[in-house]
Structures are given as C-alpha cells and as structure tokens.
Amino acid sequence: MNVSIQSLGIDRLGIDERLELVEEILASLADDAQAYTPTVAQKSELDQRLASYEQNPGDIVPLHEVMASVANRLKL
C-alpha cells in the first residue's frame, strides 16, 4: 500500500486542518500505545530525555506554545 499526502488528499487541506489531522493521528496512536514496545535504542533516548528534563525542567516549552509558534511561522 503506497500512502502519501497526495494520494490521501492531505496536501489540499489548509494548515489548520492539517494540524488537526496530526493531532487526531497522534491521539489514535496513543490509544494503541499499550500494545507498542519501544526498542532498546528508543528506550535509551526516552531515558536520556527524561534525565535532561529532570536536570533542567525550566527548559521545556509547553505543547500549546510550540503549536502557536508553528502556526504563526506558517502564516508568514
């Protein structure tokens, strides 16, 4: 099955619609997350990121700020 943004018509959606679709896809993945087992490399990366966060919790940017920044940049 060859799936692309063109074959699904996603390239014809507006920016807001594509961002909504991304959020829906991520939510659907979260629903299946319990069935997923990360690889050793992925687990290591997650452990490193958690340790970095614990050392510098103020360095984290909330998701809503990231999304607002992306939307703002795309509208330029």
N, C-alpha and C. Protein backbone atom coordinates (compact mmCIF):
# COMPACT_ATOMS: atom_id res chain seq x y z
N MET A 1 0.85 -1.18 0.00
CA MET A 1 0.00 0.00 0.00
C MET A 1 0.89 1.24 0.00
N ASN A 2 0.80 2.04 -1.03
CA ASN A 2 1.61 3.25 -1.15
C ASN A 2 0.76 4.45 -0.73
N VAL A 3 1.02 4.94 0.47
CA VAL A 3 0.23 6.05 1.01
C VAL A 3 1.10 7.30 1.02
N SER A 4 0.54 8.39 0.53
CA SER A 4 1.24 9.68 0.55
C SER A 4 0.23 10.78 0.85
N ILE A 5 0.76 11.95 1.17
CA ILE A 5 -0.17 13.05 1.44
C ILE A 5 -0.96 13.41 0.18
N GLN A 6 -0.36 13.18 -0.99
CA GLN A 6 -1.07 13.47 -2.23
C GLN A 6 -2.17 12.44 -2.48
N SER A 7 -1.85 11.15 -2.28
CA SER A 7 -2.85 10.12 -2.57
C SER A 7 -4.04 10.20 -1.61
N LEU A 8 -3.80 10.71 -0.41
CA LEU A 8 -4.89 10.87 0.56
C LEU A 8 -5.57 12.23 0.47
N GLY A 9 -5.02 13.13 -0.34
CA GLY A 9 -5.60 14.46 -0.49
C GLY A 9 -5.25 15.41 0.64
N ILE A 10 -4.32 15.03 1.47
CA ILE A 10 -3.95 15.86 2.62
C ILE A 10 -3.29 17.16 2.16
N ASP A 11 -2.60 17.11 1.05
CA ASP A 11 -1.93 18.31 0.53
C ASP A 11 -2.93 19.40 0.14
N ARG A 12 -4.18 19.06 -0.02
CA ARG A 12 -5.21 20.04 -0.38
C ARG A 12 -5.89 20.66 0.84
N LEU A 13 -5.54 20.18 2.04
CA LEU A 13 -6.10 20.74 3.26
C LEU A 13 -5.37 22.01 3.66
N GLY A 14 -6.06 22.87 4.37
CA GLY A 14 -5.43 24.07 4.90
C GLY A 14 -4.52 23.72 6.08
N ILE A 15 -3.74 24.68 6.49
CA ILE A 15 -2.79 24.46 7.59
C ILE A 15 -3.51 24.03 8.86
N ASP A 16 -4.55 24.72 9.23
CA ASP A 16 -5.29 24.37 10.45
C ASP A 16 -5.86 22.96 10.36
N GLU A 17 -6.37 22.60 9.19
CA GLU A 17 -6.93 21.26 9.01
C GLU A 17 -5.85 20.19 9.12
N ARG A 18 -4.68 20.47 8.56
CA ARG A 18 -3.58 19.51 8.65
C ARG A 18 -3.10 19.36 10.09
N LEU A 19 -3.02 20.46 10.83
CA LEU A 19 -2.63 20.38 12.24
C LEU A 19 -3.65 19.57 13.04
N GLU A 20 -4.93 19.77 12.75
CA GLU A 20 -5.98 18.98 13.42
C GLU A 20 -5.81 17.49 13.10
N LEU A 21 -5.50 17.19 11.84
CA LEU A 21 -5.31 15.80 11.43
C LEU A 21 -4.12 15.18 12.16
N VAL A 22 -3.03 15.94 12.28
CA VAL A 22 -1.86 15.45 13.01
C VAL A 22 -2.25 15.13 14.46
N GLU A 23 -3.01 16.02 15.08
CA GLU A 23 -3.45 15.79 16.45
C GLU A 23 -4.31 14.53 16.55
N GLU A 24 -5.19 14.32 15.58
CA GLU A 24 -6.04 13.13 15.58
C GLU A 24 -5.21 11.86 15.39
N ILE A 25 -4.22 11.93 14.51
CA ILE A 25 -3.36 10.77 14.29
C ILE A 25 -2.58 10.44 15.55
N LEU A 26 -2.02 11.47 16.20
CA LEU A 26 -1.28 11.25 17.45
C LEU A 26 -2.18 10.66 18.52
N ALA A 27 -3.42 11.15 18.60
CA ALA A 27 -4.35 10.62 19.59
C ALA A 27 -4.67 9.15 19.29
N SER A 28 -4.80 8.81 18.02
CA SER A 28 -5.09 7.42 17.67
C SER A 28 -3.91 6.52 18.01
N LEU A 29 -2.70 7.04 17.86
CA LEU A 29 -1.51 6.27 18.24
C LEU A 29 -1.47 6.06 19.75
N ALA A 30 -1.84 7.09 20.48
CA ALA A 30 -1.85 6.98 21.94
C ALA A 30 -2.82 5.89 22.39
N ASP A 31 -3.92 5.75 21.67
CA ASP A 31 -4.89 4.70 22.01
C ASP A 31 -4.27 3.31 21.91
N ASP A 32 -3.33 3.14 20.98
CA ASP A 32 -2.69 1.84 20.75
C ASP A 32 -1.34 1.71 21.46
N ALA A 33 -0.95 2.72 22.24
CA ALA A 33 0.38 2.76 22.83
C ALA A 33 0.66 1.57 23.74
N GLN A 34 -0.34 1.04 24.40
CA GLN A 34 -0.11 -0.08 25.32
C GLN A 34 0.36 -1.32 24.57
N ALA A 35 0.02 -1.44 23.32
CA ALA A 35 0.41 -2.60 22.53
C ALA A 35 1.81 -2.42 21.93
N TYR A 36 2.39 -1.25 22.09
CA TYR A 36 3.68 -0.93 21.49
C TYR A 36 4.80 -1.10 22.51
N THR A 37 5.87 -1.76 22.13
CA THR A 37 7.04 -1.91 22.98
C THR A 37 8.20 -1.19 22.31
N PRO A 38 8.77 -0.17 22.96
CA PRO A 38 9.88 0.56 22.35
C PRO A 38 11.12 -0.32 22.21
N THR A 39 11.94 0.00 21.21
CA THR A 39 13.20 -0.71 21.03
C THR A 39 14.17 -0.27 22.13
N VAL A 40 15.29 -0.96 22.24
CA VAL A 40 16.31 -0.60 23.22
C VAL A 40 16.81 0.82 22.95
N ALA A 41 17.03 1.16 21.69
CA ALA A 41 17.50 2.50 21.32
C ALA A 41 16.47 3.56 21.69
N GLN A 42 15.19 3.28 21.43
CA GLN A 42 14.13 4.23 21.77
C GLN A 42 14.03 4.40 23.29
N LYS A 43 14.13 3.31 24.02
CA LYS A 43 14.08 3.37 25.49
C LYS A 43 15.24 4.20 26.02
N SER A 44 16.41 4.01 25.44
CA SER A 44 17.59 4.78 25.84
C SER A 44 17.37 6.27 25.58
N GLU A 45 16.84 6.60 24.42
CA GLU A 45 16.56 8.00 24.08
C GLU A 45 15.54 8.60 25.05
N LEU A 46 14.50 7.86 25.36
CA LEU A 46 13.50 8.35 26.30
C LEU A 46 14.11 8.57 27.68
N ASP A 47 14.97 7.65 28.12
CA ASP A 47 15.64 7.80 29.41
C ASP A 47 16.52 9.04 29.43
N GLN A 48 17.25 9.30 28.32
CA GLN A 48 18.09 10.49 28.23
C GLN A 48 17.26 11.76 28.28
N ARG A 49 16.15 11.75 27.59
CA ARG A 49 15.29 12.94 27.57
C ARG A 49 14.67 13.20 28.94
N LEU A 50 14.27 12.14 29.62
CA LEU A 50 13.72 12.28 30.96
C LEU A 50 14.77 12.82 31.93
N ALA A 51 15.99 12.29 31.85
CA ALA A 51 17.08 12.78 32.71
C ALA A 51 17.37 14.25 32.43
N SER A 52 17.37 14.64 31.15
CA SER A 52 17.59 16.04 30.79
C SER A 52 16.50 16.94 31.35
N TYR A 53 15.27 16.48 31.26
CA TYR A 53 14.15 17.25 31.81
C TYR A 53 14.29 17.39 33.33
N GLU A 54 14.64 16.30 34.00
CA GLU A 54 14.76 16.34 35.45
C GLU A 54 15.88 17.27 35.90
N GLN A 55 16.93 17.40 35.09
CA GLN A 55 18.03 18.31 35.41
C GLN A 55 17.68 19.76 35.10
N ASN A 56 16.86 19.99 34.08
CA ASN A 56 16.53 21.35 33.62
C ASN A 56 15.05 21.46 33.27
N PRO A 57 14.16 21.34 34.26
CA PRO A 57 12.72 21.36 33.94
C PRO A 57 12.24 22.68 33.33
N GLY A 58 12.95 23.76 33.57
CA GLY A 58 12.55 25.05 33.01
C GLY A 58 12.84 25.20 31.54
N ASP A 59 13.59 24.27 30.96
CA ASP A 59 13.93 24.34 29.53
C ASP A 59 12.81 23.82 28.63
N ILE A 60 11.79 23.25 29.21
CA ILE A 60 10.71 22.65 28.43
C ILE A 60 9.74 23.73 27.95
N VAL A 61 9.34 23.61 26.70
CA VAL A 61 8.34 24.53 26.12
C VAL A 61 7.02 23.77 26.02
N PRO A 62 5.95 24.32 26.61
CA PRO A 62 4.65 23.63 26.56
C PRO A 62 4.17 23.44 25.11
N LEU A 63 3.46 22.33 24.87
CA LEU A 63 3.00 22.00 23.53
C LEU A 63 2.18 23.13 22.91
N HIS A 64 1.31 23.76 23.70
CA HIS A 64 0.47 24.82 23.12
C HIS A 64 1.33 25.99 22.62
N GLU A 65 2.47 26.26 23.26
CA GLU A 65 3.36 27.31 22.78
C GLU A 65 4.07 26.89 21.50
N VAL A 66 4.47 25.64 21.42
CA VAL A 66 5.11 25.13 20.20
C VAL A 66 4.12 25.21 19.03
N MET A 67 2.89 24.74 19.27
CA MET A 67 1.88 24.75 18.19
C MET A 67 1.58 26.18 17.74
N ALA A 68 1.50 27.11 18.69
CA ALA A 68 1.23 28.51 18.33
C ALA A 68 2.38 29.09 17.52
N SER A 69 3.62 28.74 17.88
CA SER A 69 4.78 29.21 17.15
C SER A 69 4.79 28.66 15.73
N VAL A 70 4.50 27.38 15.59
CA VAL A 70 4.46 26.76 14.26
C VAL A 70 3.38 27.42 13.40
N ALA A 71 2.19 27.57 13.96
CA ALA A 71 1.10 28.20 13.21
C ALA A 71 1.47 29.61 12.80
N ASN A 72 2.09 30.34 13.71
CA ASN A 72 2.50 31.71 13.42
C ASN A 72 3.53 31.76 12.29
N ARG A 73 4.50 30.88 12.33
CA ARG A 73 5.53 30.85 11.29
C ARG A 73 4.96 30.47 9.94
N LEU A 74 4.02 29.55 9.91
CA LEU A 74 3.45 29.11 8.65
C LEU A 74 2.56 30.17 8.01
N LYS A 75 2.06 31.09 8.80
CA LYS A 75 1.18 32.13 8.26
C LYS A 75 1.96 33.31 7.72
N LEU A 76 3.31 33.31 7.87
CA LEU A 76 4.13 34.41 7.37
C LEU A 76 4.17 34.47 5.88
